[in-house]
Protein backbone atom coordinates (compact mmCIF):
# COMPACT_ATOMS: atom_id res chain seq x y z
CA MET A 1 83.27 114.89 112.04
CA PRO A 2 84.76 118.23 110.85
CA ARG A 3 87.81 117.99 108.62
CA LEU A 4 90.44 120.59 107.77
CA THR A 5 92.60 120.10 104.69
CA LEU A 6 95.61 122.27 103.90
CA SER A 7 97.58 121.59 100.73
CA GLY A 8 100.32 123.27 98.76
CA LEU A 9 100.75 126.09 101.31
CA THR A 10 103.52 128.56 100.54
CA LYS A 11 104.73 131.56 102.50
CA ALA A 12 107.84 133.65 101.92
CA TYR A 13 109.42 136.48 103.86
CA GLY A 14 111.59 138.18 101.29
CA PRO A 15 113.91 135.53 99.84
CA ALA A 16 113.30 133.13 102.75
CA ARG A 17 110.60 130.51 102.17
CA ALA A 18 108.96 129.63 105.48
CA LEU A 19 106.48 127.23 103.86
CA ASP A 20 107.12 125.34 100.63
CA GLU A 21 104.19 123.14 99.55
CA ALA A 22 103.25 122.38 103.17
CA ALA A 23 100.24 120.15 103.81
CA LEU A 24 98.13 119.05 106.77
CA ASP A 25 94.95 117.02 107.20
CA LEU A 26 93.15 117.42 110.55
CA MET A 27 90.02 115.53 111.56
CA GLY A 28 87.68 115.74 114.53
CA GLY A 29 88.20 113.06 117.17
CA GLU A 30 92.00 112.83 116.80
CA VAL A 31 95.18 114.14 118.35
CA HIS A 32 97.40 115.05 115.41
CA ALA A 33 101.04 115.82 116.22
CA LEU A 34 102.85 118.43 114.13
CA MET A 35 106.60 117.95 114.30
CA GLY A 36 109.72 119.40 112.77
CA GLU A 37 112.96 121.11 113.71
CA ASN A 38 113.07 124.80 114.54
CA GLY A 39 112.61 126.60 111.25
CA ALA A 40 110.62 123.74 109.72
CA GLY A 41 107.55 125.97 109.28
CA LYS A 42 105.37 124.89 112.20
CA SER A 43 104.95 128.37 113.68
CA THR A 44 104.18 129.91 110.29
CA LEU A 45 101.50 127.28 109.62
CA ILE A 46 99.95 127.96 113.04
CA ARG A 47 99.96 131.71 112.42
CA ILE A 48 98.10 131.15 109.16
CA LEU A 49 95.49 129.03 110.97
CA ALA A 50 95.16 131.76 113.61
CA GLY A 51 94.54 134.42 110.98
CA LEU A 52 97.72 136.28 111.87
CA GLU A 53 99.35 135.62 108.49
CA ARG A 54 98.04 134.99 104.98
CA ALA A 55 99.46 132.19 102.87
CA ASP A 56 100.99 133.25 99.57
CA GLY A 57 99.53 130.21 97.86
CA GLY A 58 97.81 126.90 98.48
CA THR A 59 94.38 125.63 99.44
CA LEU A 60 92.54 125.66 102.77
CA LEU A 61 89.35 123.63 103.00
CA LEU A 62 86.94 123.02 105.89
CA ASN A 63 84.63 120.10 105.15
CA ASP A 64 85.63 120.44 101.48
CA ALA A 65 84.51 124.09 101.33
CA PRO A 66 87.05 126.92 100.80
CA LEU A 67 88.17 128.48 104.08
CA ARG A 68 89.33 132.08 104.35
CA LEU A 69 91.26 132.97 107.49
CA GLY A 70 92.12 136.62 107.19
CA SER A 71 91.87 137.53 110.86
CA PRO A 72 91.80 136.02 114.37
CA ALA A 73 88.04 136.62 114.43
CA ALA A 74 87.66 134.52 111.27
CA ALA A 75 89.75 131.73 112.81
CA LYS A 76 87.58 131.79 115.92
CA ALA A 77 84.41 131.71 113.81
CA ALA A 78 85.81 128.66 112.00
CA GLY A 79 86.05 126.85 115.34
CA PHE A 80 89.80 127.14 116.06
CA ARG A 81 91.21 127.79 119.52
CA PHE A 82 94.90 128.31 120.31
CA LEU A 83 96.80 127.51 123.52
CA HIS A 84 100.45 128.37 123.98
CA GLN A 85 103.00 127.56 126.69
CA GLU A 86 103.00 131.25 127.74
CA LEU A 87 99.40 131.66 128.86
CA GLN A 88 97.79 135.08 128.94
CA VAL A 89 96.03 135.27 132.29
CA VAL A 90 95.25 138.00 134.82
CA PRO A 91 96.61 136.70 138.15
CA GLY A 92 94.62 139.17 140.27
CA LEU A 93 91.26 137.99 138.93
CA SER A 94 89.38 134.83 139.83
CA VAL A 95 89.23 131.68 137.73
CA ALA A 96 85.70 132.52 136.60
CA GLU A 97 86.67 136.07 135.65
CA ASN A 98 89.65 134.83 133.64
CA MET A 99 87.41 132.38 131.81
CA HIS A 100 85.12 135.26 130.76
CA LEU A 101 87.83 137.69 129.67
CA SER A 102 86.83 137.57 125.99
CA ARG A 103 83.04 137.48 126.51
CA PRO A 104 80.49 139.62 128.34
CA TYR A 105 79.82 138.92 132.00
CA PRO A 106 76.28 137.79 132.89
CA THR A 107 74.33 140.64 134.47
CA ARG A 108 71.25 141.14 136.60
CA PHE A 109 69.59 144.53 137.04
CA GLY A 110 72.57 146.07 135.27
CA LEU A 111 75.11 144.60 137.67
CA VAL A 112 77.47 141.64 137.28
CA ASN A 113 75.72 138.43 138.32
CA TRP A 114 78.63 136.85 140.18
CA ALA A 115 76.70 133.68 141.02
CA ALA A 116 75.84 133.09 137.35
CA LEU A 117 79.46 133.83 136.39
CA ALA A 118 80.70 131.15 138.82
CA ARG A 119 78.02 128.63 137.72
CA ALA A 120 78.97 129.03 134.06
CA ALA A 121 82.65 128.57 134.88
CA GLN A 122 81.91 125.52 137.04
CA GLY A 123 79.88 123.93 134.26
CA ALA A 124 82.66 124.41 131.71
CA LEU A 125 85.26 122.98 134.09
CA VAL A 126 83.09 119.93 134.74
CA ARG A 127 82.64 119.40 130.99
CA LEU A 128 86.42 119.15 130.80
CA GLY A 129 86.49 116.72 133.73
CA VAL A 130 88.14 119.26 136.06
CA THR A 131 86.72 119.18 139.58
CA HIS A 132 89.65 120.32 141.71
CA ILE A 133 89.62 123.99 140.62
CA ALA A 134 87.17 126.37 142.33
CA PRO A 135 85.69 129.09 140.06
CA ARG A 136 86.14 131.75 142.74
CA ALA A 137 89.80 130.86 143.44
CA PRO A 138 92.33 133.55 142.46
CA MET A 139 94.18 132.68 139.27
CA SER A 140 97.44 133.51 141.05
CA ALA A 141 96.91 130.52 143.37
CA LEU A 142 97.01 128.06 140.44
CA GLY A 143 100.10 126.46 138.94
CA PRO A 144 100.84 126.65 135.19
CA GLY A 145 99.11 123.32 134.53
CA ASP A 146 95.86 124.32 136.21
CA GLN A 147 95.98 127.70 134.48
CA MET A 148 96.22 125.81 131.20
CA LEU A 149 93.15 123.76 132.12
CA VAL A 150 91.25 126.96 132.95
CA ARG A 151 92.06 128.43 129.54
CA ILE A 152 90.88 125.23 127.82
CA ALA A 153 87.69 125.14 129.91
CA ALA A 154 86.99 128.75 128.91
CA THR A 155 86.48 127.58 125.33
CA LEU A 156 83.64 125.34 126.54
CA LEU A 157 81.56 128.22 127.88
CA PRO A 158 78.30 128.82 125.95
CA GLU A 159 78.77 131.45 123.26
CA ASP A 160 77.21 132.75 120.09
CA GLY A 161 78.41 131.23 116.83
CA PRO A 162 79.95 127.84 116.03
CA ALA A 163 81.31 125.80 118.91
CA PRO A 164 85.07 125.19 118.92
CA TRP A 165 86.15 121.92 117.34
CA ALA A 166 89.91 122.30 116.74
CA TYR A 167 92.47 123.06 119.45
CA VAL A 168 96.02 124.03 118.49
CA MET A 169 98.38 123.38 121.42
CA ASP A 170 101.91 124.71 120.98
CA GLU A 171 104.38 123.13 123.44
CA PRO A 172 101.67 123.02 126.14
CA THR A 173 103.71 121.00 128.67
CA ALA A 174 106.96 122.98 128.44
CA ALA A 175 106.46 124.57 131.87
CA LEU A 176 104.37 121.85 133.53
CA THR A 177 105.23 119.32 136.21
CA GLY A 178 104.54 115.65 135.65
CA ALA A 179 101.28 115.79 137.63
CA GLU A 180 100.13 118.92 135.78
CA ALA A 181 100.92 117.34 132.42
CA ALA A 182 98.93 114.23 133.39
CA ARG A 183 95.86 116.39 134.08
CA LEU A 184 96.31 118.10 130.72
CA PHE A 185 96.49 114.72 128.98
CA ASP A 186 93.25 113.68 130.68
CA ALA A 187 91.61 116.87 129.41
CA ILE A 188 92.92 116.22 125.90
CA ALA A 189 91.49 112.69 126.00
CA ARG A 190 88.11 114.09 127.04
CA LEU A 191 88.11 116.66 124.24
CA LYS A 192 89.01 113.95 121.76
CA SER A 193 86.17 111.73 123.02
CA GLN A 194 83.78 114.65 122.48
CA GLY A 195 84.79 114.86 118.81
CA ALA A 196 87.32 117.69 118.98
CA ALA A 197 90.56 117.71 117.03
CA ILE A 198 93.82 118.59 118.76
CA LEU A 199 96.79 119.76 116.71
CA TYR A 200 99.63 119.03 119.15
CA VAL A 201 103.01 120.70 118.61
CA SER A 202 105.79 119.35 120.83
CA HIS A 203 109.46 118.39 120.83
CA ARG A 204 108.76 115.71 123.43
CA MET A 205 108.77 112.46 121.53
CA ASP A 206 107.41 110.35 124.38
CA GLU A 207 104.34 112.58 124.65
CA VAL A 208 103.73 112.43 120.93
CA MET A 209 104.00 108.64 120.82
CA ALA A 210 101.61 108.29 123.77
CA LEU A 211 99.00 110.91 122.80
CA ALA A 212 98.85 111.23 119.05
CA THR A 213 96.66 109.39 116.58
CA ARG A 214 98.67 110.61 113.59
CA VAL A 215 101.82 112.68 113.10
CA THR A 216 102.75 115.10 110.32
CA VAL A 217 106.40 116.09 109.83
CA LEU A 218 107.59 119.30 108.16
CA ARG A 219 111.17 119.91 107.09
CA ASP A 220 112.41 123.19 105.61
CA GLY A 221 108.81 124.31 105.17
CA ALA A 222 107.78 121.27 103.14
CA HIS A 223 105.55 118.33 103.97
CA VAL A 224 107.65 115.20 104.49
CA SER A 225 105.20 112.65 105.86
CA THR A 226 101.89 111.99 107.56
CA ARG A 227 101.71 108.65 109.33
CA SER A 228 99.55 106.81 111.80
CA ILE A 229 101.32 106.54 115.15
CA ALA A 230 100.51 102.82 115.12
CA GLU A 231 102.45 102.48 111.86
CA THR A 232 105.53 104.56 112.64
CA SER A 233 108.29 104.75 115.24
CA ARG A 234 110.41 107.24 117.10
CA ASP A 235 113.33 106.41 114.79
CA GLN A 236 111.24 107.03 111.67
CA ILE A 237 109.93 110.38 112.93
CA ILE A 238 113.46 111.56 113.77
CA HIS A 239 114.65 110.50 110.33
CA ASP A 240 111.77 112.39 108.69
CA MET A 241 112.54 115.52 110.75
CA THR A 242 116.28 115.61 110.23
CA GLY A 243 117.13 113.36 107.29
CA ARG A 244 119.44 111.48 109.64
CA ALA A 245 119.13 108.15 111.40
CA LEU A 246 118.76 107.88 115.18
CA ALA A 247 121.97 105.84 115.29
CA ASP A 248 123.86 109.02 114.32
CA LEU A 249 122.38 111.02 117.19
CA TYR A 250 125.12 110.44 119.77
CA PRO A 251 128.75 111.14 118.81
CA LYS A 252 131.37 108.56 119.65
CA GLN A 253 132.53 108.58 123.24
CA GLY A 254 136.02 109.43 124.40
CA ALA A 255 138.86 106.95 124.22
CA GLY A 256 139.96 107.27 127.84
CA ILE A 257 139.92 109.36 131.00
CA SER A 258 142.94 111.21 132.39
CA ALA A 259 143.88 112.01 135.99
CA PRO A 260 141.24 113.83 138.05
CA LEU A 261 140.61 117.48 137.22
CA LEU A 262 137.75 118.01 139.68
CA SER A 263 137.85 116.19 143.01
CA ILE A 264 134.88 116.12 145.41
CA ARG A 265 135.05 114.72 148.94
CA ASN A 266 132.17 114.46 151.41
CA LEU A 267 130.13 117.23 149.79
CA ARG A 268 126.93 118.10 151.64
CA ALA A 269 124.38 120.58 150.36
CA GLY A 270 120.59 120.53 150.48
CA PRO A 271 119.56 116.88 150.00
CA LEU A 272 123.14 115.70 149.29
CA GLN A 273 124.60 113.44 151.99
CA GLY A 274 128.36 113.16 151.60
CA ILE A 275 129.06 113.03 147.86
CA SER A 276 132.55 111.94 146.78
CA LEU A 277 133.69 111.54 143.16
CA ASP A 278 136.45 112.44 140.73
CA LEU A 279 136.08 113.92 137.25
CA GLY A 280 138.81 113.47 134.68
CA ARG A 281 139.96 115.98 132.10
CA GLY A 282 137.99 115.32 128.90
CA GLU A 283 135.44 113.07 130.66
CA VAL A 284 131.66 113.28 130.36
CA LEU A 285 130.20 112.08 133.66
CA GLY A 286 126.47 111.47 133.59
CA ILE A 287 124.40 111.84 136.75
CA ALA A 288 121.31 109.63 136.82
CA GLY A 289 118.66 109.42 139.49
CA LEU A 290 114.98 109.73 140.21
CA SER A 291 113.27 113.07 140.84
CA GLY A 292 114.35 114.34 144.26
CA SER A 293 117.58 112.33 144.28
CA GLY A 294 119.72 115.48 144.44
CA ARG A 295 120.91 115.63 140.82
CA ASN A 296 120.19 119.31 140.32
CA ALA A 297 121.43 120.25 143.82
CA LEU A 298 124.85 118.78 143.00
CA LEU A 299 125.42 121.19 140.13
CA ARG A 300 124.04 124.15 142.05
CA ALA A 301 126.32 123.37 144.99
CA LEU A 302 129.39 123.15 142.77
CA ILE A 303 128.70 126.44 141.00
CA GLY A 304 128.08 128.13 144.36
CA ALA A 305 124.34 128.76 144.01
CA ILE A 306 123.60 126.97 147.30
CA PRO A 307 125.82 126.60 150.40
CA ARG A 308 127.94 123.48 150.69
CA THR A 309 130.37 121.81 153.03
CA GLY A 310 133.11 119.34 152.23
CA GLU A 311 136.28 119.53 150.14
CA VAL A 312 136.18 120.39 146.42
CA THR A 313 139.30 121.08 144.37
CA LEU A 314 139.62 122.14 140.74
CA ASP A 315 142.96 121.54 139.08
CA GLY A 316 144.55 121.22 142.53
CA ALA A 317 143.12 124.46 143.99
CA ALA A 318 140.24 124.76 146.46
CA LEU A 319 137.03 125.64 144.63
CA GLY A 320 135.40 128.96 145.58
CA VAL A 321 132.01 129.12 147.24
CA THR A 322 130.25 131.84 145.21
CA PRO A 323 129.23 131.82 141.54
CA ALA A 324 131.62 134.68 140.78
CA GLN A 325 134.52 132.72 142.27
CA THR A 326 133.70 129.41 140.59
CA TRP A 327 133.17 131.00 137.15
CA ALA A 328 136.50 132.81 137.51
CA GLN A 329 138.24 129.51 138.35
CA GLY A 330 136.96 127.73 135.24
CA LEU A 331 133.56 126.25 136.13
CA ALA A 332 130.66 127.09 133.81
CA TYR A 333 126.99 126.26 134.28
CA VAL A 334 124.03 125.78 131.94
CA PRO A 335 120.93 125.87 134.18
CA ARG A 336 117.83 123.73 133.90
CA GLU A 337 115.32 126.58 133.47
CA ARG A 338 116.79 128.74 130.73
CA ARG A 339 113.99 131.32 130.68
CA THR A 340 113.89 131.99 134.43
CA GLU A 341 117.45 131.13 135.51
CA GLY A 342 119.68 131.87 132.56
CA LEU A 343 118.44 134.35 129.97
CA MET A 344 117.66 138.04 129.84
CA LEU A 345 114.81 137.64 127.40
CA GLY A 346 114.20 141.31 126.70
CA ARG A 347 117.88 142.14 126.12
CA ALA A 348 120.24 141.48 123.25
CA LEU A 349 121.59 137.94 123.14
CA SER A 350 125.14 139.32 123.34
CA GLU A 351 124.39 140.63 126.84
CA THR A 352 123.53 137.16 128.12
CA VAL A 353 126.61 135.66 126.47
CA THR A 354 129.05 138.15 128.01
CA LEU A 355 127.38 138.69 131.41
CA PRO A 356 129.81 136.62 133.58
CA HIS A 357 132.82 138.09 131.80
CA LEU A 358 132.20 141.84 131.74
CA ARG A 359 135.31 142.56 133.81
CA ALA A 360 137.58 140.90 131.25
CA LEU A 361 135.84 142.80 128.45
CA SER A 362 135.94 146.14 130.30
CA PRO A 363 139.46 147.39 130.97
CA LEU A 364 139.32 150.61 133.03
CA GLY A 365 135.60 149.95 133.57
CA LEU A 366 134.55 150.64 129.97
CA LEU A 367 133.04 147.87 127.86
CA ARG A 368 135.02 147.30 124.67
CA ARG A 369 132.23 146.80 122.13
CA GLY A 370 134.61 145.58 119.45
CA ARG A 371 136.03 142.92 121.74
CA GLU A 372 132.50 141.94 122.82
CA SER A 373 131.29 141.63 119.21
CA ALA A 374 134.28 139.52 118.21
CA LEU A 375 133.75 137.17 121.16
CA VAL A 376 130.02 136.75 120.48
CA ALA A 377 130.63 136.15 116.77
CA ARG A 378 133.24 133.45 117.51
CA LEU A 379 131.04 131.69 120.07
CA SER A 380 127.93 131.90 117.89
CA GLU A 381 129.79 130.08 115.17
CA GLN A 382 131.10 127.50 117.62
CA VAL A 383 127.64 126.63 118.99
CA ARG A 384 125.93 127.04 115.57
CA LEU A 385 123.64 129.78 116.86
CA LYS A 386 121.14 131.10 114.33
CA ALA A 387 120.24 134.76 114.89
CA THR A 388 119.87 137.88 112.78
CA SER A 389 122.58 139.66 114.80
CA ALA A 390 124.20 139.77 118.22
CA ARG A 391 121.77 142.56 119.12
CA GLN A 392 118.66 140.45 118.46
CA PRO A 393 116.48 140.18 121.60
CA THR A 394 116.85 136.73 123.12
CA ALA A 395 113.06 136.35 123.40
CA GLU A 396 112.81 136.29 119.60
CA LEU A 397 114.96 133.17 119.29
CA SER A 398 113.65 129.61 119.11
CA GLY A 399 114.02 127.37 122.17
CA GLY A 400 117.00 125.58 120.63
CA ASN A 401 118.80 128.82 119.85
CA GLN A 402 118.05 130.20 123.30
CA GLN A 403 119.75 127.11 124.69
CA LYS A 404 122.73 127.74 122.42
CA VAL A 405 122.99 131.26 123.86
CA LEU A 406 123.50 129.68 127.28
CA PHE A 407 126.16 127.36 125.86
CA ALA A 408 127.90 130.36 124.27
CA ARG A 409 127.89 132.11 127.66
CA ALA A 410 129.32 129.01 129.33
CA LEU A 411 132.11 128.78 126.75
CA SER A 412 132.99 132.48 126.73
CA GLY A 413 135.39 131.99 129.66
CA ASP A 414 137.13 128.90 128.19
CA PRO A 415 135.96 126.66 131.06
CA LYS A 416 137.78 123.69 132.47
CA VAL A 417 134.57 122.05 133.73
CA LEU A 418 131.10 122.39 132.21
CA LEU A 419 128.05 121.70 134.40
CA LEU A 420 124.96 120.85 132.32
CA ASP A 421 121.50 120.60 133.88
CA GLU A 422 118.96 119.17 131.39
CA PRO A 423 120.92 120.67 128.45
CA THR A 424 118.44 119.67 125.72
CA ARG A 425 115.20 120.29 127.58
CA GLY A 426 112.56 121.75 125.26
CA VAL A 427 114.70 121.77 122.11
CA ASP A 428 114.06 119.96 118.86
CA VAL A 429 115.97 117.00 117.51
CA GLY A 430 118.08 119.10 115.15
CA ALA A 431 119.28 121.33 117.99
CA LYS A 432 120.02 118.20 120.02
CA PHE A 433 122.37 116.98 117.28
CA ASP A 434 124.25 120.28 117.48
CA ILE A 435 124.41 120.27 121.29
CA TYR A 436 125.55 116.65 121.49
CA ALA A 437 128.29 117.25 118.92
CA LEU A 438 129.39 120.35 120.82
CA ILE A 439 129.61 118.47 124.14
CA ARG A 440 131.74 115.73 122.61
CA ASP A 441 133.94 118.24 120.78
CA LEU A 442 134.59 120.07 124.05
CA ALA A 443 135.43 116.81 125.81
CA ALA A 444 137.88 115.95 123.03
CA LYS A 445 139.60 119.27 123.72
CA GLY A 446 139.99 118.43 127.42
CA VAL A 447 136.93 120.08 128.95
CA ALA A 448 135.38 117.93 131.67
CA VAL A 449 131.58 117.70 131.71
CA ILE A 450 129.05 116.77 134.38
CA LEU A 451 125.73 116.00 132.69
CA VAL A 452 122.41 115.84 134.55
CA SER A 453 119.49 114.70 132.44
CA SER A 454 116.16 112.95 132.96
CA ASP A 455 116.50 111.58 129.41
CA LEU A 456 118.12 108.21 130.10
CA PRO A 457 119.11 107.46 126.47
CA GLU A 458 120.83 110.86 126.46
CA VAL A 459 122.77 110.06 129.63
CA ILE A 460 123.85 106.68 128.26
CA GLY A 461 124.65 107.98 124.78
CA LEU A 462 126.79 110.93 125.86
CA SER A 463 128.52 109.75 129.03
CA ASP A 464 131.77 107.92 129.58
CA ARG A 465 130.76 107.01 133.13
CA ILE A 466 127.48 107.34 135.01
CA ALA A 467 127.10 108.09 138.73
CA ILE A 468 123.75 107.08 140.17
CA LEU A 469 122.20 109.22 142.90
CA ASN A 470 119.59 107.89 145.31
CA ALA A 471 118.28 109.96 148.24
CA GLY A 472 121.28 112.28 148.13
CA ARG A 473 123.95 109.57 147.98
CA ILE A 474 125.94 108.04 145.13
CA THR A 475 125.04 104.37 145.09
CA ARG A 476 127.08 103.32 142.05
CA THR A 477 129.49 104.67 139.46
CA LEU A 478 129.88 102.54 136.34
CA PRO A 479 130.85 102.74 132.66
CA ALA A 480 128.07 103.87 130.29
CA ALA A 481 129.11 101.51 127.51
CA GLY A 482 126.74 98.56 127.20
CA LEU A 483 124.06 99.95 129.52
CA THR A 484 120.43 99.83 128.45
CA GLU A 485 117.74 102.30 129.45
CA ALA A 486 115.89 99.60 131.41
CA ALA A 487 119.03 98.53 133.29
CA LEU A 488 119.89 102.14 134.19
CA LEU A 489 116.37 102.84 135.43
CA ASP A 490 116.47 99.70 137.54
CA LEU A 491 119.75 100.86 139.12
CA CYS A 492 118.18 104.25 139.92
CA TYR A 493 115.58 102.47 142.06
CA GLN A 494 118.12 100.38 143.99
CA PRO A 495 119.28 102.10 147.19
CA GLU A 496 122.15 99.83 148.20
CA THR A 497 125.71 101.09 147.75
CA ALA A 498 128.10 99.16 145.55
């Protein structure tokens, strides 16, 4: 089996050390997870493997022979292939054409041999165990998960030079549904059985524990540990990543709940069938439920993103029915899909932060840049946002810092109620610590929070009470204290009303 050994890797950008004696050992026939907080050095290490960066120092060996990776072509020749969550595909071309983008098309009599092109693509898909994707189907008809499978299958096409043996997958399931992720995992298992190595980078601990053979943790650019998954635990990995114990993850809950701040009576919207509940000032109310229960629709209805009926009052006044009205009254919303629903990726982060509040920042219709800069600076400090400046393009930030931009936007209007839809989705453990502490700090200051999350330990750990949704109805509302993950999941499956 091939074996890659990296040791003592260093890389600095000016005074900042991105890698500091980093190490990694990757063998064929394994899934090796690479974990660490944002800024731990994972991306820099991957860029070195891809030939996009050169290490300042250290040793790279392939099968005990020195390995020089000075370009992407050299990385490809060494057998490395790279798959990212943002796939580069051409939607207007077929599956087979996309699979051949980096190699010559088969020809006959000087013309493209379309039948041979489709046969080659079909053979590579079958090698990966993929039989539900037609080579002649347009790429635009495929979901992100199937597009990912197509890109992996493309590496199995016959080609000159060494066959690929090492696949680097960087957050490959970030945009996938559960079914799409399951197909990807099947493909990974097949690659592993064929002797390939998969370097798997993900913040999703459950995936890592289920897929990986071994896990390497980086912290502040340095190697902390490499352990067999069979000989480690979620708690140990989190400790290695952050230097903190899992028990410290969730801040202490509030001491008590005051009179209702938000009152909902017989709310109907989308799948919701007559929701009634009260939210106290300073309370964190968790919403638990299975997929399709209506969790996300509840937040969207309250913020005014979808039509609703029923009676909703905020601080004694009827809640508006449009996003502009609800934001102005003191509701704020952090959406589930930050890249497609919340951020302007190509614009300065300050523009996302101030977007709902331009009127307040623009007396006489002119934006006061000084006032804007002061607001963004204050909020960046409050949410612990790491950026080079307020003008940095949002796309350049890590996932955790992009999420903090959305929190800064939500807080820029001093909200009374904060609506959070999967607030830590796709962020690392360190960013989760910051977000959890921020939520509890806001609650201590009187802000009420409705938290929707598919992470049951997160719901239990952060909430004062939990409302359980089933088929658009609240079946129970109960204290979070003392609940276990298993007990909460069992309640989510029970349809009867308390």
